[in-house]
C-alpha atoms as a PDB file:
ATOM      1  CA  ASN A   1     -31.502  30.399  11.013  1.00  0.00           C
ATOM      2  CA  ASN A   2     -28.633  28.288  12.063  1.00  0.00           C
ATOM      3  CA  SER A   3     -27.183  27.661   8.573  1.00  0.00           C
ATOM      4  CA  GLN A   4     -27.199  31.392   7.775  1.00  0.00           C
ATOM      5  CA  GLN A   5     -25.683  32.182  11.193  1.00  0.00           C
ATOM      6  CA  SER A   6     -22.909  29.682  10.584  1.00  0.00           C
ATOM      7  CA  ALA A   7     -22.346  30.984   7.104  1.00  0.00           C
ATOM      8  CA  ALA A   8     -22.141  34.562   8.531  1.00  0.00           C
ATOM      9  CA  GLU A   9     -19.598  33.535  11.194  1.00  0.00           C
ATOM     10  CA  PHE A  10     -17.608  31.661   8.511  1.00  0.00           C
ATOM     11  CA  GLY A  11     -17.628  34.711   6.222  1.00  0.00           C
ATOM     12  CA  LEU A  12     -16.321  36.911   9.094  1.00  0.00           C
ATOM     13  CA  ASP A  13     -13.564  34.396   9.743  1.00  0.00           C
ATOM     14  CA  VAL A  14     -12.521  34.409   6.115  1.00  0.00           C
ATOM     15  CA  ALA A  15     -12.519  38.213   6.054  1.00  0.00           C
ATOM     16  CA  ALA A  16     -10.411  38.396   9.192  1.00  0.00           C
ATOM     17  CA  ASN A  17      -7.938  35.877   7.872  1.00  0.00           C
ATOM     18  CA  ALA A  18      -7.786  37.541   4.475  1.00  0.00           C
ATOM     19  CA  ILE A  19      -7.246  41.066   6.105  1.00  0.00           C
ATOM     20  CA  GLU A  20      -4.432  39.665   8.329  1.00  0.00           C
ATOM     21  CA  ASP A  21      -2.868  37.883   5.388  1.00  0.00           C
ATOM     22  CA  PHE A  22      -2.849  40.836   2.969  1.00  0.00           C
ATOM     23  CA  SER A  23      -1.798  43.145   5.824  1.00  0.00           C
ATOM     24  CA  LYS A  24       1.356  41.101   6.158  1.00  0.00           C
ATOM     25  CA  ARG A  25       1.908  40.597   2.475  1.00  0.00           C
ATOM     26  CA  TYR A  26       1.280  44.117   1.148  1.00  0.00           C
ATOM     27  CA  SER A  27       0.705  46.702   3.760  1.00  0.00           C
ATOM     28  CA  PRO A  28      -1.428  47.252   6.893  1.00  0.00           C
ATOM     29  CA  TYR A  29      -5.166  47.293   6.305  1.00  0.00           C
ATOM     30  CA  PRO A  30      -5.920  50.917   5.316  1.00  0.00           C
ATOM     31  CA  TYR A  31      -9.229  51.503   7.163  1.00  0.00           C
ATOM     32  CA  THR A  32     -10.459  51.493  10.786  1.00  0.00           C
ATOM     33  CA  GLU A  33     -13.573  49.438  10.017  1.00  0.00           C
ATOM     34  CA  PHE A  34     -14.660  46.614   7.769  1.00  0.00           C
ATOM     35  CA  ASP A  35     -18.243  45.574   7.043  1.00  0.00           C
ATOM     36  CA  ILE A  36     -19.849  42.810   5.060  1.00  0.00           C
ATOM     37  CA  VAL A  37     -23.418  43.113   3.753  1.00  0.00           C
ATOM     38  CA  SER A  38     -25.537  40.578   1.720  1.00  0.00           C
ATOM     39  CA  THR A  39     -27.454  41.941  -1.253  1.00  0.00           C
ATOM     40  CA  PRO A  40     -29.365  40.596  -4.262  1.00  0.00           C
ATOM     41  CA  THR A  41     -26.983  41.225  -7.097  1.00  0.00           C
ATOM     42  CA  LEU A  42     -25.887  39.364 -10.273  1.00  0.00           C
ATOM     43  CA  ALA A  43     -22.296  39.891  -9.308  1.00  0.00           C
ATOM     44  CA  GLY A  44     -20.772  37.491  -6.768  1.00  0.00           C
ATOM     45  CA  GLY A  45     -19.543  40.472  -4.755  1.00  0.00           C
ATOM     46  CA  ILE A  46     -18.865  44.104  -4.945  1.00  0.00           C
ATOM     47  CA  GLU A  47     -16.052  46.106  -3.306  1.00  0.00           C
ATOM     48  CA  TYR A  48     -16.321  49.447  -1.569  1.00  0.00           C
ATOM     49  CA  PRO A  49     -13.867  51.260   0.705  1.00  0.00           C
ATOM     50  CA  GLY A  50     -14.061  49.504   4.018  1.00  0.00           C
ATOM     51  CA  MET A  51     -17.041  47.380   2.972  1.00  0.00           C
ATOM     52  CA  ILE A  52     -17.893  44.484   0.653  1.00  0.00           C
ATOM     53  CA  ALA A  53     -21.293  43.320  -0.606  1.00  0.00           C
ATOM     54  CA  ILE A  54     -21.821  39.617  -1.282  1.00  0.00           C
ATOM     55  CA  THR A  55     -24.696  38.311  -3.283  1.00  0.00           C
ATOM     56  CA  ASP A  56     -27.248  36.645  -1.033  1.00  0.00           C
ATOM     57  CA  HIS A  57     -27.542  33.476  -3.093  1.00  0.00           C
ATOM     58  CA  ILE A  58     -24.048  32.122  -2.197  1.00  0.00           C
ATOM     59  CA  ILE A  59     -24.312  32.779   1.538  1.00  0.00           C
ATOM     60  CA  SER A  60     -24.243  29.123   2.587  1.00  0.00           C
ATOM     61  CA  ILE A  61     -21.686  27.271   4.558  1.00  0.00           C
ATOM     62  CA  ASP A  62     -21.767  24.638   1.780  1.00  0.00           C
ATOM     63  CA  ASN A  63     -20.990  26.997  -0.969  1.00  0.00           C
ATOM     64  CA  HIS A  64     -17.251  27.056  -1.652  1.00  0.00           C
ATOM     65  CA  TYR A  65     -17.631  30.329  -3.608  1.00  0.00           C
ATOM     66  CA  LEU A  66     -18.449  32.184  -0.475  1.00  0.00           C
ATOM     67  CA  GLU A  67     -14.788  31.989   0.679  1.00  0.00           C
ATOM     68  CA  VAL A  68     -13.488  32.742  -2.844  1.00  0.00           C
ATOM     69  CA  VAL A  69     -15.703  35.923  -3.195  1.00  0.00           C
ATOM     70  CA  ILE A  70     -15.010  37.201   0.335  1.00  0.00           C
ATOM     71  CA  ALA A  71     -11.295  36.758  -0.033  1.00  0.00           C
ATOM     72  CA  HIS A  72     -11.358  38.389  -3.509  1.00  0.00           C
ATOM     73  CA  GLU A  73     -13.393  41.385  -2.367  1.00  0.00           C
ATOM     74  CA  VAL A  74     -11.220  41.864   0.753  1.00  0.00           C
ATOM     75  CA  GLY A  75      -8.246  41.952  -1.700  1.00  0.00           C
ATOM     76  CA  HIS A  76      -9.804  44.952  -3.405  1.00  0.00           C
ATOM     77  CA  GLN A  77      -9.304  46.923  -0.269  1.00  0.00           C
ATOM     78  CA  TRP A  78      -5.632  47.058  -1.388  1.00  0.00           C
ATOM     79  CA  PHE A  79      -5.990  46.852  -5.197  1.00  0.00           C
ATOM     80  CA  TYR A  80      -8.499  49.584  -6.332  1.00  0.00           C
ATOM     81  CA  ASN A  81      -8.998  51.107  -2.892  1.00  0.00           C
ATOM     82  CA  LEU A  82      -5.634  51.784  -1.430  1.00  0.00           C
ATOM     83  CA  VAL A  83      -3.820  51.591  -4.779  1.00  0.00           C
ATOM     84  CA  GLY A  84      -6.157  53.131  -7.266  1.00  0.00           C
ATOM     85  CA  ASN A  85      -6.254  52.591 -10.988  1.00  0.00           C
ATOM     86  CA  ASP A  86      -8.411  53.375 -14.087  1.00  0.00           C
ATOM     87  CA  GLN A  87     -10.938  50.511 -13.824  1.00  0.00           C
ATOM     88  CA  LEU A  88     -12.284  50.869 -17.348  1.00  0.00           C
ATOM     89  CA  ASP A  89      -8.966  51.284 -19.263  1.00  0.00           C
ATOM     90  CA  ASP A  90      -6.795  49.123 -17.014  1.00  0.00           C
ATOM     91  CA  PRO A  91      -9.081  46.611 -15.303  1.00  0.00           C
ATOM     92  CA  TRP A  92      -6.338  44.106 -14.888  1.00  0.00           C
ATOM     93  CA  LEU A  93      -4.504  46.371 -12.390  1.00  0.00           C
ATOM     94  CA  ASP A  94      -7.238  45.683  -9.909  1.00  0.00           C
ATOM     95  CA  GLU A  95      -9.118  42.591 -10.957  1.00  0.00           C
ATOM     96  CA  SER A  96      -6.169  40.354 -12.165  1.00  0.00           C
ATOM     97  CA  LEU A  97      -3.938  41.405  -9.335  1.00  0.00           C
ATOM     98  CA  THR A  98      -6.780  40.821  -6.829  1.00  0.00           C
ATOM     99  CA  GLN A  99      -7.243  37.344  -8.294  1.00  0.00           C
ATOM    100  CA  PHE A 100      -3.652  36.590  -7.701  1.00  0.00           C
ATOM    101  CA  ALA A 101      -3.938  37.991  -4.119  1.00  0.00           C
ATOM    102  CA  THR A 102      -6.805  35.554  -3.707  1.00  0.00           C
ATOM    103  CA  LEU A 103      -4.426  32.776  -4.861  1.00  0.00           C
ATOM    104  CA  GLN A 104      -1.907  33.865  -2.327  1.00  0.00           C
ATOM    105  CA  TYR A 105      -4.698  33.829   0.402  1.00  0.00           C
ATOM    106  CA  TYR A 106      -5.515  30.223  -0.534  1.00  0.00           C
ATOM    107  CA  ILE A 107      -1.882  29.078  -0.430  1.00  0.00           C
ATOM    108  CA  ASP A 108      -1.345  30.807   2.916  1.00  0.00           C
ATOM    109  CA  GLU A 109      -4.576  29.543   4.569  1.00  0.00           C
ATOM    110  CA  HIS A 110      -4.941  26.137   2.907  1.00  0.00           C
ATOM    111  CA  GLY A 111      -1.463  25.167   1.692  1.00  0.00           C
ATOM    112  CA  GLN A 112      -0.432  24.094  -1.771  1.00  0.00           C
ATOM    113  CA  THR A 113      -3.598  21.985  -2.122  1.00  0.00           C
ATOM    114  CA  GLY A 114      -5.844  24.909  -1.492  1.00  0.00           C
ATOM    115  CA  GLY A 115      -3.705  27.061  -3.824  1.00  0.00           C
ATOM    116  CA  ASN A 116      -3.848  24.414  -6.589  1.00  0.00           C
ATOM    117  CA  GLY A 117      -7.644  24.377  -6.206  1.00  0.00           C
ATOM    118  CA  PHE A 118      -7.945  28.115  -6.754  1.00  0.00           C
ATOM    119  CA  ARG A 119      -5.394  28.109  -9.520  1.00  0.00           C
ATOM    120  CA  GLN A 120      -7.561  25.553 -11.318  1.00  0.00           C
ATOM    121  CA  GLU A 121     -10.297  28.122 -11.232  1.00  0.00           C
ATOM    122  CA  LEU A 122      -8.110  30.719 -12.922  1.00  0.00           C
ATOM    123  CA  GLU A 123      -7.080  28.120 -15.517  1.00  0.00           C
ATOM    124  CA  ASN A 124     -10.772  27.175 -16.039  1.00  0.00           C
ATOM    125  CA  ASN A 125     -11.735  30.783 -16.665  1.00  0.00           C
ATOM    126  CA  TRP A 126      -8.984  31.112 -19.261  1.00  0.00           C
ATOM    127  CA  SER A 127      -9.760  27.751 -20.897  1.00  0.00           C
ATOM    128  CA  SER A 128     -13.316  28.787 -21.307  1.00  0.00           C
ATOM    129  CA  ILE A 129     -12.226  30.591 -24.508  1.00  0.00           C
ATOM    130  CA  GLY A 130      -9.626  27.976 -25.521  1.00  0.00           C
ATOM    131  CA  ASN A 131      -6.565  29.576 -23.801  1.00  0.00           C
ATOM    132  CA  THR A 132      -6.528  32.307 -26.483  1.00  0.00           C
ATOM    133  CA  ASP A 133      -3.566  34.687 -26.031  1.00  0.00           C
ATOM    134  CA  ILE A 134      -5.663  37.774 -25.864  1.00  0.00           C
ATOM    135  CA  PRO A 135      -3.711  40.451 -23.980  1.00  0.00           C
ATOM    136  CA  VAL A 136      -4.427  40.963 -20.269  1.00  0.00           C
ATOM    137  CA  GLY A 137      -4.004  44.688 -20.543  1.00  0.00           C
ATOM    138  CA  LEU A 138      -6.914  45.692 -22.857  1.00  0.00           C
ATOM    139  CA  PRO A 139      -9.610  48.221 -21.702  1.00  0.00           C
ATOM    140  CA  VAL A 140     -12.995  46.780 -20.736  1.00  0.00           C
ATOM    141  CA  ARG A 141     -14.544  47.852 -24.008  1.00  0.00           C
ATOM    142  CA  ASP A 142     -12.285  45.731 -26.172  1.00  0.00           C
ATOM    143  CA  TYR A 143     -13.340  42.399 -24.560  1.00  0.00           C
ATOM    144  CA  THR A 144     -16.531  40.500 -25.136  1.00  0.00           C
ATOM    145  CA  ASP A 145     -18.199  39.479 -21.915  1.00  0.00           C
ATOM    146  CA  ALA A 146     -16.822  36.021 -22.132  1.00  0.00           C
ATOM    147  CA  GLU A 147     -13.388  37.240 -22.976  1.00  0.00           C
ATOM    148  CA  TYR A 148     -13.389  39.667 -20.068  1.00  0.00           C
ATOM    149  CA  VAL A 149     -14.001  36.928 -17.536  1.00  0.00           C
ATOM    150  CA  ALA A 150     -11.626  34.600 -19.131  1.00  0.00           C
ATOM    151  CA  ILE A 151      -8.691  37.059 -19.568  1.00  0.00           C
ATOM    152  CA  VAL A 152      -9.028  39.506 -16.698  1.00  0.00           C
ATOM    153  CA  TYR A 153     -10.166  37.000 -14.038  1.00  0.00           C
ATOM    154  CA  GLY A 154      -8.268  33.982 -15.502  1.00  0.00           C
ATOM    155  CA  ARG A 155      -5.253  34.696 -17.650  1.00  0.00           C
ATOM    156  CA  GLY A 156      -4.540  37.927 -15.657  1.00  0.00           C
ATOM    157  CA  GLY A 157      -4.250  36.149 -12.406  1.00  0.00           C
ATOM    158  CA  LEU A 158      -1.937  33.588 -13.916  1.00  0.00           C
ATOM    159  CA  PHE A 159       0.197  36.377 -15.351  1.00  0.00           C
ATOM    160  CA  PHE A 160       1.162  37.497 -11.822  1.00  0.00           C
ATOM    161  CA  GLU A 161       2.187  33.889 -11.060  1.00  0.00           C
ATOM    162  CA  ALA A 162       4.394  33.929 -14.214  1.00  0.00           C
ATOM    163  CA  LEU A 163       5.869  37.332 -13.031  1.00  0.00           C
ATOM    164  CA  LEU A 164       6.645  35.831  -9.658  1.00  0.00           C
ATOM    165  CA  ARG A 165       8.500  32.818 -11.300  1.00  0.00           C
ATOM    166  CA  GLU A 166      10.451  35.279 -13.523  1.00  0.00           C
ATOM    167  CA  MET A 167      11.410  37.612 -10.668  1.00  0.00           C
ATOM    168  CA  GLY A 168      11.902  35.055  -7.985  1.00  0.00           C
ATOM    169  CA  GLU A 169       9.727  34.961  -4.826  1.00  0.00           C
ATOM    170  CA  LYS A 170      11.899  37.238  -2.672  1.00  0.00           C
ATOM    171  CA  ASN A 171      12.108  40.032  -5.263  1.00  0.00           C
ATOM    172  CA  PHE A 172       8.477  39.623  -6.141  1.00  0.00           C
ATOM    173  CA  ASP A 173       7.332  40.043  -2.488  1.00  0.00           C
ATOM    174  CA  ALA A 174       9.528  43.060  -2.156  1.00  0.00           C
ATOM    175  CA  PHE A 175       8.078  44.459  -5.417  1.00  0.00           C
ATOM    176  CA  LEU A 176       4.424  44.131  -4.269  1.00  0.00           C
ATOM    177  CA  LYS A 177       5.205  45.860  -0.929  1.00  0.00           C
ATOM    178  CA  GLU A 178       6.973  48.662  -2.667  1.00  0.00           C
ATOM    179  CA  TYR A 179       4.283  48.966  -5.397  1.00  0.00           C
ATOM    180  CA  VAL A 180       1.563  49.345  -2.724  1.00  0.00           C
ATOM    181  CA  LYS A 181       3.793  51.876  -0.698  1.00  0.00           C
ATOM    182  CA  THR A 182       4.613  53.887  -3.723  1.00  0.00           C
ATOM    183  CA  ASN A 183       1.147  54.112  -5.080  1.00  0.00           C
ATOM    184  CA  SER A 184      -0.913  54.314  -1.860  1.00  0.00           C
ATOM    185  CA  TRP A 185      -3.758  56.811  -2.240  1.00  0.00           C
ATOM    186  CA  ASP A 186      -2.669  57.421  -5.785  1.00  0.00           C
ATOM    187  CA  ILE A 187      -3.368  56.118  -9.263  1.00  0.00           C
ATOM    188  CA  ALA A 188      -1.172  53.224 -10.540  1.00  0.00           C
ATOM    189  CA  THR A 189      -0.532  52.501 -14.234  1.00  0.00           C
ATOM    190  CA  PRO A 190       0.716  49.483 -16.073  1.00  0.00           C
ATOM    191  CA  GLU A 191       4.013  51.521 -16.757  1.00  0.00           C
ATOM    192  CA  LYS A 192       4.456  52.064 -13.006  1.00  0.00           C
ATOM    193  CA  LEU A 193       3.927  48.427 -12.183  1.00  0.00           C
ATOM    194  CA  GLN A 194       6.405  47.218 -14.781  1.00  0.00           C
ATOM    195  CA  ALA A 195       8.956  49.753 -13.694  1.00  0.00           C
ATOM    196  CA  GLN A 196       8.598  48.854 -10.056  1.00  0.00           C
ATOM    197  CA  ALA A 197       8.919  45.192 -10.857  1.00  0.00           C
ATOM    198  CA  GLU A 198      12.001  45.766 -12.884  1.00  0.00           C
ATOM    199  CA  GLN A 199      13.518  47.865 -10.161  1.00  0.00           C
ATOM    200  CA  SER A 200      12.854  45.181  -7.568  1.00  0.00           C
ATOM    201  CA  CYS A 201      14.458  42.381  -9.589  1.00  0.00           C
ATOM    202  CA  GLY A 202      17.091  44.376 -11.426  1.00  0.00           C
ATOM    203  CA  CYS A 203      15.991  42.759 -14.634  1.00  0.00           C
ATOM    204  CA  ASN A 204      14.210  43.561 -17.941  1.00  0.00           C
ATOM    205  CA  LEU A 205      10.681  42.298 -18.077  1.00  0.00           C
ATOM    206  CA  THR A 206       9.644  43.665 -21.356  1.00  0.00           C
ATOM    207  CA  LEU A 207       9.295  40.328 -23.122  1.00  0.00           C
ATOM    208  CA  LEU A 208       7.170  38.907 -20.287  1.00  0.00           C
ATOM    209  CA  PHE A 209       4.955  41.917 -20.344  1.00  0.00           C
ATOM    210  CA  GLU A 210       4.702  41.837 -24.148  1.00  0.00           C
ATOM    211  CA  LYS A 211       3.764  38.097 -24.038  1.00  0.00           C
ATOM    212  CA  TRP A 212       1.070  38.497 -21.486  1.00  0.00           C
ATOM    213  CA  VAL A 213      -0.207  42.015 -20.984  1.00  0.00           C
ATOM    214  CA  PHE A 214       0.365  44.542 -23.809  1.00  0.00           C
ATOM    215  CA  PRO A 215      -1.397  44.457 -27.194  1.00  0.00           C
END
């Protein structure tokens, strides 16, 4: 019907804009094709190489989560697909970083107002457990379901914003580009990420990582 068609067109536009944005920020899109499918699933979306699945119940032009989910799942084409990681032991390396990538998408596409709106969602996730300082870098098994969403999808995204502030925007942008280049088609680790960040800024980030990431 017309509403579904317009939602589909909107979704394709979001995906195209996100691919263009992340290609400029991180590295060129790594595949020759990109597909979106709708599916009945409890997750908002699921990422696959060159394809994302979006839960059918949010496919509406009036549902703002449609843009959030599509931008997030597109971000996974870089963080989990191009740059691999252990998704069970280090879920923050793809989910938290992809949440931050989604924040960058919102700033680039919708300005600071749009960025502030998505940042509020990160903060709301974390505040759902009272902003507890649970480390971002735990394995999946060490979080309750509520903690996993709050920390990995909330506090974790905010960690990368804190990292940007500590490093400075120019150094941070260079760091992410080099991190992607160095770890393309390979497995990244928390140690590799910290070392690459420290190399890019010429600074010691141990205290920041201890505050936010490591148990």
